[in-house]
PDB file of N, CA and C in Angstrom:
ATOM      1  N   MET A   1     252.109 119.198  68.774  1.00  0.00           N
ATOM      2  CA  MET A   1     251.097 118.509  68.016  1.00  0.00           C
ATOM      3  C   MET A   1     250.922 119.203  66.675  1.00  0.00           C
ATOM      4  N   LYS A   2     250.613 118.441  65.671  1.00  0.00           N
ATOM      5  CA  LYS A   2     250.345 118.983  64.341  1.00  0.00           C
ATOM      6  C   LYS A   2     248.872 119.367  64.274  1.00  0.00           C
ATOM      7  N   VAL A   3     248.619 120.577  63.809  1.00  0.00           N
ATOM      8  CA  VAL A   3     247.250 121.067  63.666  1.00  0.00           C
ATOM      9  C   VAL A   3     247.060 121.488  62.219  1.00  0.00           C
ATOM     10  N   GLU A   4     245.997 121.009  61.612  1.00  0.00           N
ATOM     11  CA  GLU A   4     245.660 121.411  60.249  1.00  0.00           C
ATOM     12  C   GLU A   4     244.383 122.232  60.313  1.00  0.00           C
ATOM     13  N   VAL A   5     244.479 123.478  59.849  1.00  0.00           N
ATOM     14  CA  VAL A   5     243.363 124.412  59.934  1.00  0.00           C
ATOM     15  C   VAL A   5     242.777 124.627  58.543  1.00  0.00           C
ATOM     16  N   SER A   6     241.498 124.326  58.393  1.00  0.00           N
ATOM     17  CA  SER A   6     240.786 124.610  57.147  1.00  0.00           C
ATOM     18  C   SER A   6     240.376 126.073  57.157  1.00  0.00           C
ATOM     19  N   LEU A   7     240.565 126.732  56.020  1.00  0.00           N
ATOM     20  CA  LEU A   7     240.284 128.163  55.910  1.00  0.00           C
ATOM     21  C   LEU A   7     238.979 128.387  55.158  1.00  0.00           C
ATOM     22  N   PHE A   8     238.141 129.251  55.688  1.00  0.00           N
ATOM     23  CA  PHE A   8     236.850 129.554  55.073  1.00  0.00           C
ATOM     24  C   PHE A   8     236.678 131.057  54.926  1.00  0.00           C
ATOM     25  N   GLY A   9     235.687 131.449  54.148  1.00  0.00           N
ATOM     26  CA  GLY A   9     235.339 132.859  53.991  1.00  0.00           C
ATOM     27  C   GLY A   9     236.497 133.692  53.493  1.00  0.00           C
ATOM     28  N   ALA A  10     236.748 134.804  54.165  1.00  0.00           N
ATOM     29  CA  ALA A  10     237.782 135.757  53.754  1.00  0.00           C
ATOM     30  C   ALA A  10     239.185 135.156  53.756  1.00  0.00           C
ATOM     31  N   PHE A  11     239.389 134.045  54.449  1.00  0.00           N
ATOM     32  CA  PHE A  11     240.715 133.430  54.520  1.00  0.00           C
ATOM     33  C   PHE A  11     240.968 132.436  53.386  1.00  0.00           C
ATOM     34  N   ARG A  12     239.910 132.053  52.700  1.00  0.00           N
ATOM     35  CA  ARG A  12     240.036 131.082  51.613  1.00  0.00           C
ATOM     36  C   ARG A  12     240.941 131.613  50.517  1.00  0.00           C
ATOM     37  N   GLY A  13     241.726 130.734  49.930  1.00  0.00           N
ATOM     38  CA  GLY A  13     242.577 131.112  48.815  1.00  0.00           C
ATOM     39  C   GLY A  13     243.951 131.627  49.199  1.00  0.00           C
ATOM     40  N   HIS A  14     244.216 131.765  50.490  1.00  0.00           N
ATOM     41  CA  HIS A  14     245.521 132.278  50.916  1.00  0.00           C
ATOM     42  C   HIS A  14     246.557 131.180  51.124  1.00  0.00           C
ATOM     43  N   GLU A  15     246.111 129.938  51.127  1.00  0.00           N
ATOM     44  CA  GLU A  15     247.018 128.801  51.277  1.00  0.00           C
ATOM     45  C   GLU A  15     246.612 127.731  50.267  1.00  0.00           C
ATOM     46  N   PRO A  16     247.574 126.957  49.761  1.00  0.00           N
ATOM     47  CA  PRO A  16     247.229 125.858  48.854  1.00  0.00           C
ATOM     48  C   PRO A  16     246.235 124.905  49.518  1.00  0.00           C
ATOM     49  N   GLY A  17     245.179 124.580  48.800  1.00  0.00           N
ATOM     50  CA  GLY A  17     244.175 123.676  49.348  1.00  0.00           C
ATOM     51  C   GLY A  17     243.324 124.286  50.437  1.00  0.00           C
ATOM     52  N   ASP A  18     243.446 125.597  50.636  1.00  0.00           N
ATOM     53  CA  ASP A  18     242.688 126.304  51.678  1.00  0.00           C
ATOM     54  C   ASP A  18     242.893 125.699  53.063  1.00  0.00           C
ATOM     55  N   ARG A  19     244.123 125.277  53.326  1.00  0.00           N
ATOM     56  CA  ARG A  19     244.492 124.707  54.627  1.00  0.00           C
ATOM     57  C   ARG A  19     245.879 125.204  55.010  1.00  0.00           C
ATOM     58  N   VAL A  20     246.095 125.308  56.301  1.00  0.00           N
ATOM     59  CA  VAL A  20     247.426 125.656  56.799  1.00  0.00           C
ATOM     60  C   VAL A  20     247.780 124.677  57.921  1.00  0.00           C
ATOM     61  N   ALA A  21     249.006 124.191  57.901  1.00  0.00           N
ATOM     62  CA  ALA A  21     249.486 123.266  58.926  1.00  0.00           C
ATOM     63  C   ALA A  21     250.391 124.026  59.890  1.00  0.00           C
ATOM     64  N   LEU A  22     250.135 123.838  61.170  1.00  0.00           N
ATOM     65  CA  LEU A  22     250.921 124.490  62.220  1.00  0.00           C
ATOM     66  C   LEU A  22     251.347 123.442  63.242  1.00  0.00           C
ATOM     67  N   THR A  23     252.417 123.709  63.945  1.00  0.00           N
ATOM     68  CA  THR A  23     252.858 122.841  65.033  1.00  0.00           C
ATOM     69  C   THR A  23     252.713 123.613  66.336  1.00  0.00           C
ATOM     70  N   LEU A  24     251.974 123.027  67.268  1.00  0.00           N
ATOM     71  CA  LEU A  24     251.734 123.635  68.580  1.00  0.00           C
ATOM     72  C   LEU A  24     252.122 122.642  69.668  1.00  0.00           C
ATOM     73  N   PRO A  25     252.319 123.112  70.892  1.00  0.00           N
ATOM     74  CA  PRO A  25     252.641 122.192  71.989  1.00  0.00           C
ATOM     75  C   PRO A  25     251.481 121.224  72.247  1.00  0.00           C
ATOM     76  N   GLU A  26     251.806 120.028  72.704  1.00  0.00           N
ATOM     77  CA  GLU A  26     250.762 119.072  73.092  1.00  0.00           C
ATOM     78  C   GLU A  26     249.857 119.725  74.132  1.00  0.00           C
ATOM     79  N   GLY A  27     248.573 119.474  74.031  1.00  0.00           N
ATOM     80  CA  GLY A  27     247.619 120.043  74.975  1.00  0.00           C
ATOM     81  C   GLY A  27     247.268 121.492  74.703  1.00  0.00           C
ATOM     82  N   ALA A  28     247.647 121.992  73.523  1.00  0.00           N
ATOM     83  CA  ALA A  28     247.368 123.395  73.185  1.00  0.00           C
ATOM     84  C   ALA A  28     245.872 123.668  73.185  1.00  0.00           C
ATOM     85  N   ARG A  29     245.547 124.919  73.413  1.00  0.00           N
ATOM     86  CA  ARG A  29     244.156 125.366  73.466  1.00  0.00           C
ATOM     87  C   ARG A  29     243.874 126.289  72.284  1.00  0.00           C
ATOM     88  N   VAL A  30     242.616 126.605  72.096  1.00  0.00           N
ATOM     89  CA  VAL A  30     242.204 127.458  70.983  1.00  0.00           C
ATOM     90  C   VAL A  30     242.940 128.798  71.023  1.00  0.00           C
ATOM     91  N   ALA A  31     243.118 129.381  72.184  1.00  0.00           N
ATOM     92  CA  ALA A  31     243.813 130.672  72.289  1.00  0.00           C
ATOM     93  C   ALA A  31     245.220 130.592  71.699  1.00  0.00           C
ATOM     94  N   GLU A  32     245.903 129.485  71.920  1.00  0.00           N
ATOM     95  CA  GLU A  32     247.252 129.313  71.373  1.00  0.00           C
ATOM     96  C   GLU A  32     247.209 129.135  69.858  1.00  0.00           C
ATOM     97  N   LEU A  33     246.196 128.445  69.373  1.00  0.00           N
ATOM     98  CA  LEU A  33     246.033 128.298  67.928  1.00  0.00           C
ATOM     99  C   LEU A  33     245.753 129.649  67.291  1.00  0.00           C
ATOM    100  N   ARG A  34     244.889 130.438  67.903  1.00  0.00           N
ATOM    101  CA  ARG A  34     244.578 131.770  67.367  1.00  0.00           C
ATOM    102  C   ARG A  34     245.862 132.615  67.264  1.00  0.00           C
ATOM    103  N   GLU A  35     246.684 132.588  68.293  1.00  0.00           N
ATOM    104  CA  GLU A  35     247.932 133.358  68.286  1.00  0.00           C
ATOM    105  C   GLU A  35     248.879 132.861  67.197  1.00  0.00           C
ATOM    106  N   ALA A  36     249.036 131.550  67.080  1.00  0.00           N
ATOM    107  CA  ALA A  36     249.933 130.988  66.061  1.00  0.00           C
ATOM    108  C   ALA A  36     249.437 131.301  64.656  1.00  0.00           C
ATOM    109  N   LEU A  37     248.137 131.212  64.439  1.00  0.00           N
ATOM    110  CA  LEU A  37     247.589 131.505  63.116  1.00  0.00           C
ATOM    111  C   LEU A  37     247.696 132.996  62.805  1.00  0.00           C
ATOM    112  N   THR A  38     247.529 133.840  63.798  1.00  0.00           N
ATOM    113  CA  THR A  38     247.690 135.284  63.603  1.00  0.00           C
ATOM    114  C   THR A  38     249.122 135.607  63.188  1.00  0.00           C
ATOM    115  N   GLN A  39     250.088 135.002  63.851  1.00  0.00           N
ATOM    116  CA  GLN A  39     251.490 135.220  63.483  1.00  0.00           C
ATOM    117  C   GLN A  39     251.761 134.731  62.063  1.00  0.00           C
ATOM    118  N   HIS A  40     251.218 133.571  61.708  1.00  0.00           N
ATOM    119  CA  HIS A  40     251.376 133.030  60.355  1.00  0.00           C
ATOM    120  C   HIS A  40     250.770 133.988  59.333  1.00  0.00           C
ATOM    121  N   ALA A  41     249.582 134.476  59.617  1.00  0.00           N
ATOM    122  CA  ALA A  41     248.884 135.373  58.689  1.00  0.00           C
ATOM    123  C   ALA A  41     249.652 136.675  58.481  1.00  0.00           C
ATOM    124  N   GLN A  42     250.208 137.225  59.533  1.00  0.00           N
ATOM    125  CA  GLN A  42     250.955 138.485  59.417  1.00  0.00           C
ATOM    126  C   GLN A  42     252.144 138.346  58.471  1.00  0.00           C
ATOM    127  N   VAL A  43     252.726 137.168  58.422  1.00  0.00           N
ATOM    128  CA  VAL A  43     253.882 136.927  57.559  1.00  0.00           C
ATOM    129  C   VAL A  43     253.465 136.513  56.152  1.00  0.00           C
ATOM    130  N   HIS A  44     252.512 135.580  56.053  1.00  0.00           N
ATOM    131  CA  HIS A  44     252.203 134.939  54.774  1.00  0.00           C
ATOM    132  C   HIS A  44     251.045 135.553  53.999  1.00  0.00           C
ATOM    133  N   TRP A  45     250.108 136.186  54.652  1.00  0.00           N
ATOM    134  CA  TRP A  45     249.000 136.832  53.951  1.00  0.00           C
ATOM    135  C   TRP A  45     248.557 138.100  54.662  1.00  0.00           C
ATOM    136  N   PRO A  46     249.452 139.096  54.724  1.00  0.00           N
ATOM    137  CA  PRO A  46     249.145 140.342  55.437  1.00  0.00           C
ATOM    138  C   PRO A  46     247.956 141.104  54.858  1.00  0.00           C
ATOM    139  N   ALA A  47     247.724 140.994  53.556  1.00  0.00           N
ATOM    140  CA  ALA A  47     246.608 141.717  52.941  1.00  0.00           C
ATOM    141  C   ALA A  47     245.255 141.158  53.364  1.00  0.00           C
ATOM    142  N   ALA A  48     245.242 139.951  53.889  1.00  0.00           N
ATOM    143  CA  ALA A  48     243.977 139.323  54.291  1.00  0.00           C
ATOM    144  C   ALA A  48     243.434 139.927  55.571  1.00  0.00           C
ATOM    145  N   GLY A  49     244.233 140.694  56.248  1.00  0.00           N
ATOM    146  CA  GLY A  49     243.763 141.319  57.480  1.00  0.00           C
ATOM    147  C   GLY A  49     243.783 140.351  58.640  1.00  0.00           C
ATOM    148  N   SER A  50     244.974 140.073  59.155  1.00  0.00           N
ATOM    149  CA  SER A  50     245.079 139.138  60.270  1.00  0.00           C
ATOM    150  C   SER A  50     244.259 139.601  61.471  1.00  0.00           C
ATOM    151  N   ALA A  51     243.899 140.884  61.513  1.00  0.00           N
ATOM    152  CA  ALA A  51     243.047 141.385  62.602  1.00  0.00           C
ATOM    153  C   ALA A  51     241.690 140.695  62.601  1.00  0.00           C
ATOM    154  N   LEU A  52     241.253 140.226  61.434  1.00  0.00           N
ATOM    155  CA  LEU A  52     239.973 139.522  61.336  1.00  0.00           C
ATOM    156  C   LEU A  52     239.984 138.241  62.168  1.00  0.00           C
ATOM    157  N   LEU A  53     241.153 137.678  62.377  1.00  0.00           N
ATOM    158  CA  LEU A  53     241.249 136.464  63.193  1.00  0.00           C
ATOM    159  C   LEU A  53     240.790 136.709  64.624  1.00  0.00           C
ATOM    160  N   LYS A  54     240.924 137.941  65.093  1.00  0.00           N
ATOM    161  CA  LYS A  54     240.498 138.291  66.454  1.00  0.00           C
ATOM    162  C   LYS A  54     239.006 138.019  66.653  1.00  0.00           C
ATOM    163  N   TYR A  55     238.227 138.169  65.585  1.00  0.00           N
ATOM    164  CA  TYR A  55     236.773 138.017  65.667  1.00  0.00           C
ATOM    165  C   TYR A  55     236.273 136.697  65.094  1.00  0.00           C
ATOM    166  N   SER A  56     237.179 135.835  64.680  1.00  0.00           N
ATOM    167  CA  SER A  56     236.802 134.570  64.055  1.00  0.00           C
ATOM    168  C   SER A  56     236.565 133.485  65.096  1.00  0.00           C
ATOM    169  N   ALA A  57     235.722 132.532  64.729  1.00  0.00           N
ATOM    170  CA  ALA A  57     235.468 131.368  65.576  1.00  0.00           C
ATOM    171  C   ALA A  57     236.349 130.216  65.111  1.00  0.00           C
ATOM    172  N   PHE A  58     236.640 129.308  66.028  1.00  0.00           N
ATOM    173  CA  PHE A  58     237.399 128.107  65.700  1.00  0.00           C
ATOM    174  C   PHE A  58     236.538 126.900  66.026  1.00  0.00           C
ATOM    175  N   ALA A  59     236.583 125.913  65.138  1.00  0.00           N
ATOM    176  CA  ALA A  59     235.740 124.736  65.313  1.00  0.00           C
ATOM    177  C   ALA A  59     236.520 123.459  65.041  1.00  0.00           C
ATOM    178  N   SER A  60     236.144 122.417  65.780  1.00  0.00           N
ATOM    179  CA  SER A  60     236.632 121.076  65.475  1.00  0.00           C
ATOM    180  C   SER A  60     235.706 120.532  64.386  1.00  0.00           C
ATOM    181  N   GLN A  61     235.785 119.269  64.108  1.00  0.00           N
ATOM    182  CA  GLN A  61     234.905 118.698  63.095  1.00  0.00           C
ATOM    183  C   GLN A  61     233.460 118.590  63.575  1.00  0.00           C
ATOM    184  N   SER A  62     233.235 118.794  64.881  1.00  0.00           N
ATOM    185  CA  SER A  62     231.871 118.641  65.388  1.00  0.00           C
ATOM    186  C   SER A  62     231.369 119.798  66.250  1.00  0.00           C
ATOM    187  N   ASP A  63     232.259 120.667  66.739  1.00  0.00           N
ATOM    188  CA  ASP A  63     231.844 121.710  67.677  1.00  0.00           C
ATOM    189  C   ASP A  63     232.588 123.021  67.445  1.00  0.00           C
ATOM    190  N   VAL A  64     231.912 124.125  67.747  1.00  0.00           N
ATOM    191  CA  VAL A  64     232.587 125.417  67.831  1.00  0.00           C
ATOM    192  C   VAL A  64     233.217 125.465  69.219  1.00  0.00           C
ATOM    193  N   LEU A  65     234.493 125.815  69.275  1.00  0.00           N
ATOM    194  CA  LEU A  65     235.233 125.760  70.531  1.00  0.00           C
ATOM    195  C   LEU A  65     235.485 127.148  71.098  1.00  0.00           C
ATOM    196  N   ARG A  66     235.631 127.211  72.406  1.00  0.00           N
ATOM    197  CA  ARG A  66     235.945 128.458  73.110  1.00  0.00           C
ATOM    198  C   ARG A  66     237.459 128.580  73.279  1.00  0.00           C
ATOM    199  N   GLU A  67     237.908 129.774  73.630  1.00  0.00           N
ATOM    200  CA  GLU A  67     239.339 130.056  73.771  1.00  0.00           C
ATOM    201  C   GLU A  67     240.058 129.075  74.700  1.00  0.00           C
ATOM    202  N   ALA A  68     239.422 128.691  75.789  1.00  0.00           N
ATOM    203  CA  ALA A  68     240.071 127.828  76.782  1.00  0.00           C
ATOM    204  C   ALA A  68     239.958 126.346  76.458  1.00  0.00           C
ATOM    205  N   ASP A  69     239.223 125.993  75.405  1.00  0.00           N
ATOM    206  CA  ASP A  69     239.059 124.582  75.051  1.00  0.00           C
ATOM    207  C   ASP A  69     240.343 124.019  74.450  1.00  0.00           C
ATOM    208  N   ALA A  70     240.626 122.776  74.801  1.00  0.00           N
ATOM    209  CA  ALA A  70     241.777 122.081  74.222  1.00  0.00           C
ATOM    210  C   ALA A  70     241.476 121.724  72.772  1.00  0.00           C
ATOM    211  N   LEU A  71     242.513 121.709  71.962  1.00  0.00           N
ATOM    212  CA  LEU A  71     242.353 121.302  70.573  1.00  0.00           C
ATOM    213  C   LEU A  71     242.110 119.798  70.522  1.00  0.00           C
ATOM    214  N   PRO A  72     241.362 119.328  69.531  1.00  0.00           N
ATOM    215  CA  PRO A  72     241.093 117.895  69.443  1.00  0.00           C
ATOM    216  C   PRO A  72     242.367 117.103  69.150  1.00  0.00           C
ATOM    217  N   ALA A  73     242.387 115.866  69.598  1.00  0.00           N
ATOM    218  CA  ALA A  73     243.563 115.014  69.427  1.00  0.00           C
ATOM    219  C   ALA A  73     243.923 114.802  67.964  1.00  0.00           C
ATOM    220  N   ASP A  74     242.919 114.819  67.076  1.00  0.00           N
ATOM    221  CA  ASP A  74     243.211 114.596  65.654  1.00  0.00           C
ATOM    222  C   ASP A  74     243.801 115.828  64.974  1.00  0.00           C
ATOM    223  N   GLY A  75     243.804 116.977  65.666  1.00  0.00           N
ATOM    224  CA  GLY A  75     244.412 118.190  65.131  1.00  0.00           C
ATOM    225  C   GLY A  75     243.663 118.843  63.986  1.00  0.00           C
ATOM    226  N   GLN A  76     242.454 118.408  63.706  1.00  0.00           N
ATOM    227  CA  GLN A  76     241.668 118.973  62.608  1.00  0.00           C
ATOM    228  C   GLN A  76     240.820 120.127  63.125  1.00  0.00           C
ATOM    229  N   MET A  77     241.057 121.312  62.578  1.00  0.00           N
ATOM    230  CA  MET A  77     240.346 122.509  63.010  1.00  0.00           C
ATOM    231  C   MET A  77     239.909 123.320  61.799  1.00  0.00           C
ATOM    232  N   ALA A  78     238.993 124.248  62.030  1.00  0.00           N
ATOM    233  CA  ALA A  78     238.559 125.191  60.999  1.00  0.00           C
ATOM    234  C   ALA A  78     238.489 126.569  61.625  1.00  0.00           C
ATOM    235  N   VAL A  79     238.828 127.584  60.830  1.00  0.00           N
ATOM    236  CA  VAL A  79     238.666 128.966  61.277  1.00  0.00           C
ATOM    237  C   VAL A  79     237.496 129.542  60.488  1.00  0.00           C
ATOM    238  N   LEU A  80     236.548 130.129  61.221  1.00  0.00           N
ATOM    239  CA  LEU A  80     235.305 130.633  60.639  1.00  0.00           C
ATOM    240  C   LEU A  80     235.227 132.137  60.862  1.00  0.00           C
ATOM    241  N   PRO A  81     235.541 132.927  59.834  1.00  0.00           N
ATOM    242  CA  PRO A  81     235.481 134.376  60.012  1.00  0.00           C
ATOM    243  C   PRO A  81     234.039 134.842  60.170  1.00  0.00           C
ATOM    244  N   PRO A  82     233.844 136.001  60.782  1.00  0.00           N
ATOM    245  CA  PRO A  82     232.484 136.523  60.921  1.00  0.00           C
ATOM    246  C   PRO A  82     231.901 136.840  59.547  1.00  0.00           C
ATOM    247  N   VAL A  83     230.588 136.752  59.462  1.00  0.00           N
ATOM    248  CA  VAL A  83     229.888 137.084  58.218  1.00  0.00           C
ATOM    249  C   VAL A  83     228.850 138.148  58.519  1.00  0.00           C
ATOM    250  N   SER A  84     228.435 138.847  57.493  1.00  0.00           N
ATOM    251  CA  SER A  84     227.376 139.838  57.672  1.00  0.00           C
ATOM    252  C   SER A  84     226.388 139.680  56.534  1.00  0.00           C
ATOM    253  N   GLY A  85     225.299 140.308  56.679  1.00  0.00           N
ATOM    254  CA  GLY A  85     224.260 140.214  55.659  1.00  0.00           C
ATOM    255  C   GLY A  85     223.005 139.624  56.253  1.00  0.00           C
ATOM    256  N   GLY A  86     222.062 139.375  55.416  1.00  0.00           N
ATOM    257  CA  GLY A  86     220.824 138.837  55.966  1.00  0.00           C
ATOM    258  C   GLY A  86     219.971 138.210  54.925  1.00  0.00           C
TER     259      GLY A  86
END
């Protein structure tokens, strides 16, 4: 399945249009997306700190998803890095 991930926060600016397209097996889950995006980051934007992906949340267009959740059929996802401050 084709998955398009919108990049926010610390990941913004590392891909044209702040999006990255990945191909994953049909029925893929968030954990598989996290692994694929981590591998992509290590190759294409190593200075961004792919380790930050370990602590980032993944969301569909309507919900924050857990590791075991299936990716939405439309393949539209967002990666939300942790933020700090107050």
